[in-house]
């Protein structure tokens, strides 16, 4: 199952290293680290994060993918 792992590069609660570690343990996982962002990267980069999620969900390379409109 494809998984999107996201984090901020300055997150003091969940260090980016652990995001890479988690993604490495999950087949087909993708990692996106948002620069100049902390634990609230979702709010700091909301437009970019939403676009990244839409692209991830719409990617036809993933088996069993579902587009945002499905």
PDB file of N, CA and C in Angstrom:
ATOM      1  N   UNK A   1       0.842  -1.176   0.000  1.00  0.00           N
ATOM      2  CA  UNK A   1       0.000   0.000   0.000  1.00  0.00           C
ATOM      3  C   UNK A   1       0.884   1.234   0.000  1.00  0.00           C
ATOM      4  N   UNK A   2       0.708   2.133  -0.929  1.00  0.00           N
ATOM      5  CA  UNK A   2       1.487   3.363  -0.977  1.00  0.00           C
ATOM      6  C   UNK A   2       1.170   4.263   0.226  1.00  0.00           C
ATOM      7  N   UNK A   3       2.202   4.869   0.759  1.00  0.00           N
ATOM      8  CA  UNK A   3       2.062   5.743   1.928  1.00  0.00           C
ATOM      9  C   UNK A   3       2.839   7.026   1.658  1.00  0.00           C
ATOM     10  N   UNK A   4       2.267   8.150   2.043  1.00  0.00           N
ATOM     11  CA  UNK A   4       2.921   9.452   1.925  1.00  0.00           C
ATOM     12  C   UNK A   4       3.325   9.891   3.323  1.00  0.00           C
ATOM     13  N   UNK A   5       4.623  10.004   3.564  1.00  0.00           N
ATOM     14  CA  UNK A   5       5.155  10.443   4.857  1.00  0.00           C
ATOM     15  C   UNK A   5       5.630  11.876   4.689  1.00  0.00           C
ATOM     16  N   UNK A   6       5.128  12.779   5.510  1.00  0.00           N
ATOM     17  CA  UNK A   6       5.485  14.187   5.394  1.00  0.00           C
ATOM     18  C   UNK A   6       5.918  14.725   6.751  1.00  0.00           C
ATOM     19  N   UNK A   7       6.805  15.728   6.703  1.00  0.00           N
ATOM     20  CA  UNK A   7       7.319  16.315   7.936  1.00  0.00           C
ATOM     21  C   UNK A   7       7.975  17.641   7.598  1.00  0.00           C
ATOM     22  N   UNK A   8       8.193  18.440   8.621  1.00  0.00           N
ATOM     23  CA  UNK A   8       8.945  19.675   8.469  1.00  0.00           C
ATOM     24  C   UNK A   8      10.411  19.426   8.796  1.00  0.00           C
ATOM     25  N   UNK A   9      11.298  20.150   8.149  1.00  0.00           N
ATOM     26  CA  UNK A   9      12.727  19.905   8.376  1.00  0.00           C
ATOM     27  C   UNK A   9      13.225  20.398   9.730  1.00  0.00           C
ATOM     28  N   UNK A  10      12.432  21.202  10.432  1.00  0.00           N
ATOM     29  CA  UNK A  10      12.823  21.729  11.745  1.00  0.00           C
ATOM     30  C   UNK A  10      11.902  21.240  12.847  1.00  0.00           C
ATOM     31  N   UNK A  11      11.260  20.112  12.643  1.00  0.00           N
ATOM     32  CA  UNK A  11      10.316  19.567  13.620  1.00  0.00           C
ATOM     33  C   UNK A  11      11.086  19.045  14.839  1.00  0.00           C
ATOM     34  N   UNK A  12      10.896  19.660  16.023  1.00  0.00           N
ATOM     35  CA  UNK A  12      11.602  19.189  17.207  1.00  0.00           C
ATOM     36  C   UNK A  12      10.945  17.965  17.856  1.00  0.00           C
ATOM     37  N   UNK A  13       9.701  17.681  17.498  1.00  0.00           N
ATOM     38  CA  UNK A  13       8.982  16.556  18.106  1.00  0.00           C
ATOM     39  C   UNK A  13       9.221  15.255  17.349  1.00  0.00           C
ATOM     40  N   UNK A  14       9.197  15.327  16.026  1.00  0.00           N
ATOM     41  CA  UNK A  14       9.464  14.159  15.175  1.00  0.00           C
ATOM     42  C   UNK A  14      10.555  14.585  14.196  1.00  0.00           C
ATOM     43  N   UNK A  15      11.758  14.199  14.498  1.00  0.00           N
ATOM     44  CA  UNK A  15      12.881  14.594  13.658  1.00  0.00           C
ATOM     45  C   UNK A  15      12.736  14.007  12.257  1.00  0.00           C
ATOM     46  N   UNK A  16      13.135  14.747  11.239  1.00  0.00           N
ATOM     47  CA  UNK A  16      13.025  14.253   9.869  1.00  0.00           C
ATOM     48  C   UNK A  16      13.680  12.884   9.671  1.00  0.00           C
ATOM     49  N   UNK A  17      14.732  12.625  10.423  1.00  0.00           N
ATOM     50  CA  UNK A  17      15.396  11.317  10.345  1.00  0.00           C
ATOM     51  C   UNK A  17      14.388  10.185  10.541  1.00  0.00           C
ATOM     52  N   UNK A  18      13.454  10.369  11.463  1.00  0.00           N
ATOM     53  CA  UNK A  18      12.467   9.326  11.741  1.00  0.00           C
ATOM     54  C   UNK A  18      11.443   9.189  10.621  1.00  0.00           C
ATOM     55  N   UNK A  19      11.194  10.261   9.908  1.00  0.00           N
ATOM     56  CA  UNK A  19      10.298  10.172   8.746  1.00  0.00           C
ATOM     57  C   UNK A  19      10.932   9.305   7.664  1.00  0.00           C
ATOM     58  N   UNK A  20      12.228   9.503   7.447  1.00  0.00           N
ATOM     59  CA  UNK A  20      12.939   8.661   6.473  1.00  0.00           C
ATOM     60  C   UNK A  20      12.994   7.214   6.943  1.00  0.00           C
ATOM     61  N   UNK A  21      13.207   7.029   8.235  1.00  0.00           N
ATOM     62  CA  UNK A  21      13.245   5.677   8.793  1.00  0.00           C
ATOM     63  C   UNK A  21      11.895   4.983   8.609  1.00  0.00           C
ATOM     64  N   UNK A  22      10.812   5.668   8.939  1.00  0.00           N
ATOM     65  CA  UNK A  22       9.471   5.112   8.775  1.00  0.00           C
ATOM     66  C   UNK A  22       9.209   4.741   7.317  1.00  0.00           C
ATOM     67  N   UNK A  23       9.510   5.655   6.419  1.00  0.00           N
ATOM     68  CA  UNK A  23       9.273   5.393   5.000  1.00  0.00           C
ATOM     69  C   UNK A  23      10.103   4.217   4.505  1.00  0.00           C
ATOM     70  N   UNK A  24      11.279   4.045   5.066  1.00  0.00           N
ATOM     71  CA  UNK A  24      12.122   2.929   4.673  1.00  0.00           C
ATOM     72  C   UNK A  24      11.577   1.582   5.107  1.00  0.00           C
ATOM     73  N   UNK A  25      10.701   1.603   6.083  1.00  0.00           N
ATOM     74  CA  UNK A  25      10.109   0.366   6.593  1.00  0.00           C
ATOM     75  C   UNK A  25       8.800   0.003   5.897  1.00  0.00           C
ATOM     76  N   UNK A  26       8.284   0.904   5.079  1.00  0.00           N
ATOM     77  CA  UNK A  26       7.001   0.688   4.412  1.00  0.00           C
ATOM     78  C   UNK A  26       7.231   0.619   2.902  1.00  0.00           C
ATOM     79  N   UNK A  27       6.954  -0.524   2.278  1.00  0.00           N
ATOM     80  CA  UNK A  27       7.124  -0.607   0.823  1.00  0.00           C
ATOM     81  C   UNK A  27       6.287   0.457   0.109  1.00  0.00           C
ATOM     82  N   UNK A  28       6.847   1.045  -0.902  1.00  0.00           N
ATOM     83  CA  UNK A  28       6.202   2.054  -1.748  1.00  0.00           C
ATOM     84  C   UNK A  28       5.933   3.374  -1.036  1.00  0.00           C
ATOM     85  N   UNK A  29       6.512   3.594   0.128  1.00  0.00           N
ATOM     86  CA  UNK A  29       6.304   4.863   0.832  1.00  0.00           C
ATOM     87  C   UNK A  29       7.097   5.973   0.149  1.00  0.00           C
ATOM     88  N   UNK A  30       6.553   7.165   0.208  1.00  0.00           N
ATOM     89  CA  UNK A  30       7.238   8.348  -0.312  1.00  0.00           C
ATOM     90  C   UNK A  30       7.396   9.346   0.829  1.00  0.00           C
ATOM     91  N   UNK A  31       8.500  10.065   0.807  1.00  0.00           N
ATOM     92  CA  UNK A  31       8.796  11.042   1.856  1.00  0.00           C
ATOM     93  C   UNK A  31       8.851  12.437   1.240  1.00  0.00           C
ATOM     94  N   UNK A  32       8.277  13.383   1.942  1.00  0.00           N
ATOM     95  CA  UNK A  32       8.400  14.797   1.566  1.00  0.00           C
ATOM     96  C   UNK A  32       8.707  15.559   2.845  1.00  0.00           C
ATOM     97  N   UNK A  33       9.850  16.216   2.861  1.00  0.00           N
ATOM     98  CA  UNK A  33      10.250  17.046   3.993  1.00  0.00           C
ATOM     99  C   UNK A  33      10.122  18.498   3.539  1.00  0.00           C
ATOM    100  N   UNK A  34       9.318  19.267   4.240  1.00  0.00           N
ATOM    101  CA  UNK A  34       9.057  20.657   3.871  1.00  0.00           C
ATOM    102  C   UNK A  34      10.099  21.563   4.525  1.00  0.00           C
ATOM    103  N   UNK A  35      10.810  22.344   3.716  1.00  0.00           N
ATOM    104  CA  UNK A  35      11.870  23.201   4.255  1.00  0.00           C
ATOM    105  C   UNK A  35      11.319  24.354   5.089  1.00  0.00           C
ATOM    106  N   UNK A  36      12.137  24.764   6.035  1.00  0.00           N
ATOM    107  CA  UNK A  36      11.800  25.904   6.909  1.00  0.00           C
ATOM    108  C   UNK A  36      10.470  25.703   7.610  1.00  0.00           C
ATOM    109  N   UNK A  37      10.188  24.465   8.024  1.00  0.00           N
ATOM    110  CA  UNK A  37       8.917  24.148   8.675  1.00  0.00           C
ATOM    111  C   UNK A  37       9.170  23.297   9.913  1.00  0.00           C
ATOM    112  N   UNK A  38       8.277  23.420  10.863  1.00  0.00           N
ATOM    113  CA  UNK A  38       8.389  22.648  12.097  1.00  0.00           C
ATOM    114  C   UNK A  38       7.240  21.636  12.162  1.00  0.00           C
ATOM    115  N   UNK A  39       6.750  21.365  13.370  1.00  0.00           N
ATOM    116  CA  UNK A  39       5.716  20.359  13.552  1.00  0.00           C
ATOM    117  C   UNK A  39       4.399  20.771  12.884  1.00  0.00           C
ATOM    118  N   UNK A  40       4.215  22.056  12.695  1.00  0.00           N
ATOM    119  CA  UNK A  40       2.998  22.547  12.052  1.00  0.00           C
ATOM    120  C   UNK A  40       3.165  22.776  10.556  1.00  0.00           C
ATOM    121  N   UNK A  41       3.981  21.948   9.906  1.00  0.00           N
ATOM    122  CA  UNK A  41       4.242  22.137   8.477  1.00  0.00           C
ATOM    123  C   UNK A  41       2.956  22.138   7.661  1.00  0.00           C
ATOM    124  N   UNK A  42       1.924  21.439   8.139  1.00  0.00           N
ATOM    125  CA  UNK A  42       0.645  21.404   7.418  1.00  0.00           C
ATOM    126  C   UNK A  42       0.029  22.796   7.300  1.00  0.00           C
ATOM    127  N   UNK A  43       0.229  23.597   8.335  1.00  0.00           N
ATOM    128  CA  UNK A  43      -0.326  24.946   8.327  1.00  0.00           C
ATOM    129  C   UNK A  43       0.623  25.922   7.639  1.00  0.00           C
ATOM    130  N   UNK A  44       1.917  25.683   7.797  1.00  0.00           N
ATOM    131  CA  UNK A  44       2.909  26.561   7.195  1.00  0.00           C
ATOM    132  C   UNK A  44       2.963  26.403   5.675  1.00  0.00           C
ATOM    133  N   UNK A  45       2.660  25.207   5.186  1.00  0.00           N
ATOM    134  CA  UNK A  45       2.747  24.905   3.755  1.00  0.00           C
ATOM    135  C   UNK A  45       1.456  24.271   3.252  1.00  0.00           C
ATOM    136  N   UNK A  46       0.331  24.804   3.671  1.00  0.00           N
ATOM    137  CA  UNK A  46      -0.943  24.141   3.388  1.00  0.00           C
ATOM    138  C   UNK A  46      -1.220  23.965   1.894  1.00  0.00           C
ATOM    139  N   UNK A  47      -0.918  24.963   1.085  1.00  0.00           N
ATOM    140  CA  UNK A  47      -1.203  24.852  -0.354  1.00  0.00           C
ATOM    141  C   UNK A  47      -0.286  23.813  -1.010  1.00  0.00           C
ATOM    142  N   UNK A  48       0.992  23.836  -0.668  1.00  0.00           N
ATOM    143  CA  UNK A  48       1.933  22.867  -1.238  1.00  0.00           C
ATOM    144  C   UNK A  48       1.599  21.448  -0.767  1.00  0.00           C
ATOM    145  N   UNK A  49       1.260  21.312   0.519  1.00  0.00           N
ATOM    146  CA  UNK A  49       0.908  20.002   1.054  1.00  0.00           C
ATOM    147  C   UNK A  49      -0.335  19.452   0.353  1.00  0.00           C
ATOM    148  N   UNK A  50      -1.350  20.286   0.176  1.00  0.00           N
ATOM    149  CA  UNK A  50      -2.575  19.839  -0.507  1.00  0.00           C
ATOM    150  C   UNK A  50      -2.277  19.403  -1.937  1.00  0.00           C
ATOM    151  N   UNK A  51      -1.434  20.152  -2.636  1.00  0.00           N
ATOM    152  CA  UNK A  51      -1.063  19.778  -4.005  1.00  0.00           C
ATOM    153  C   UNK A  51      -0.273  18.470  -4.011  1.00  0.00           C
ATOM    154  N   UNK A  52       0.605  18.284  -3.029  1.00  0.00           N
ATOM    155  CA  UNK A  52       1.388  17.050  -2.948  1.00  0.00           C
ATOM    156  C   UNK A  52       0.491  15.843  -2.669  1.00  0.00           C
ATOM    157  N   UNK A  53      -0.489  16.010  -1.814  1.00  0.00           N
ATOM    158  CA  UNK A  53      -1.417  14.918  -1.512  1.00  0.00           C
ATOM    159  C   UNK A  53      -2.263  14.588  -2.732  1.00  0.00           C
ATOM    160  N   UNK A  54      -2.741  15.616  -3.423  1.00  0.00           N
ATOM    161  CA  UNK A  54      -3.534  15.374  -4.625  1.00  0.00           C
ATOM    162  C   UNK A  54      -2.709  14.628  -5.674  1.00  0.00           C
ATOM    163  N   UNK A  55      -1.452  15.029  -5.858  1.00  0.00           N
ATOM    164  CA  UNK A  55      -0.580  14.356  -6.822  1.00  0.00           C
ATOM    165  C   UNK A  55      -0.321  12.915  -6.395  1.00  0.00           C
ATOM    166  N   UNK A  56      -0.114  12.701  -5.108  1.00  0.00           N
ATOM    167  CA  UNK A  56       0.131  11.353  -4.593  1.00  0.00           C
ATOM    168  C   UNK A  56      -1.085  10.453  -4.828  1.00  0.00           C
ATOM    169  N   UNK A  57      -2.264  10.955  -4.541  1.00  0.00           N
ATOM    170  CA  UNK A  57      -3.481  10.156  -4.698  1.00  0.00           C
ATOM    171  C   UNK A  57      -3.843   9.929  -6.164  1.00  0.00           C
ATOM    172  N   UNK A  58      -3.376  10.793  -7.028  1.00  0.00           N
ATOM    173  CA  UNK A  58      -3.704  10.681  -8.448  1.00  0.00           C
ATOM    174  C   UNK A  58      -2.645   9.943  -9.258  1.00  0.00           C
ATOM    175  N   UNK A  59      -1.573   9.505  -8.624  1.00  0.00           N
ATOM    176  CA  UNK A  59      -0.448   8.889  -9.334  1.00  0.00           C
ATOM    177  C   UNK A  59      -0.836   7.521  -9.876  1.00  0.00           C
ATOM    178  N   UNK A  60      -0.884   7.361 -11.188  1.00  0.00           N
ATOM    179  CA  UNK A  60      -1.288   6.078 -11.780  1.00  0.00           C
ATOM    180  C   UNK A  60      -0.231   4.979 -11.639  1.00  0.00           C
ATOM    181  N   UNK A  61       0.997   5.329 -11.190  1.00  0.00           N
ATOM    182  CA  UNK A  61       2.036   4.310 -11.016  1.00  0.00           C
ATOM    183  C   UNK A  61       1.761   3.405  -9.822  1.00  0.00           C
ATOM    184  N   UNK A  62       0.906   3.850  -8.901  1.00  0.00           N
ATOM    185  CA  UNK A  62       0.619   3.061  -7.713  1.00  0.00           C
ATOM    186  C   UNK A  62      -0.496   2.081  -7.986  1.00  0.00           C
ATOM    187  N   UNK A  63      -0.288   0.794  -7.673  1.00  0.00           N
ATOM    188  CA  UNK A  63      -1.348  -0.188  -7.882  1.00  0.00           C
ATOM    189  C   UNK A  63      -2.560   0.144  -7.019  1.00  0.00           C
ATOM    190  N   UNK A  64      -3.702   0.064  -7.618  1.00  0.00           N
ATOM    191  CA  UNK A  64      -4.931   0.323  -6.867  1.00  0.00           C
ATOM    192  C   UNK A  64      -5.126   1.777  -6.499  1.00  0.00           C
ATOM    193  N   UNK A  65      -4.458   2.690  -7.231  1.00  0.00           N
ATOM    194  CA  UNK A  65      -4.573   4.093  -6.876  1.00  0.00           C
ATOM    195  C   UNK A  65      -6.012   4.572  -7.029  1.00  0.00           C
ATOM    196  N   UNK A  66      -6.319   5.585  -6.285  1.00  0.00           N
ATOM    197  CA  UNK A  66      -7.621   6.244  -6.380  1.00  0.00           C
ATOM    198  C   UNK A  66      -7.370   7.707  -6.595  1.00  0.00           C
ATOM    199  N   UNK A  67      -8.024   8.271  -7.557  1.00  0.00           N
ATOM    200  CA  UNK A  67      -7.865   9.705  -7.754  1.00  0.00           C
ATOM    201  C   UNK A  67      -8.728  10.435  -6.735  1.00  0.00           C
ATOM    202  N   UNK A  68      -8.471  11.698  -6.595  1.00  0.00           N
ATOM    203  CA  UNK A  68      -9.215  12.506  -5.631  1.00  0.00           C
ATOM    204  C   UNK A  68     -10.702  12.512  -5.972  1.00  0.00           C
ATOM    205  N   UNK A  69     -11.040  12.340  -7.241  1.00  0.00           N
ATOM    206  CA  UNK A  69     -12.430  12.391  -7.664  1.00  0.00           C
ATOM    207  C   UNK A  69     -13.128  11.018  -7.600  1.00  0.00           C
ATOM    208  N   UNK A  70     -12.404   9.938  -7.315  1.00  0.00           N
ATOM    209  CA  UNK A  70     -13.039   8.599  -7.236  1.00  0.00           C
ATOM    210  C   UNK A  70     -13.923   8.475  -6.015  1.00  0.00           C
TER     211      UNK A  70
END
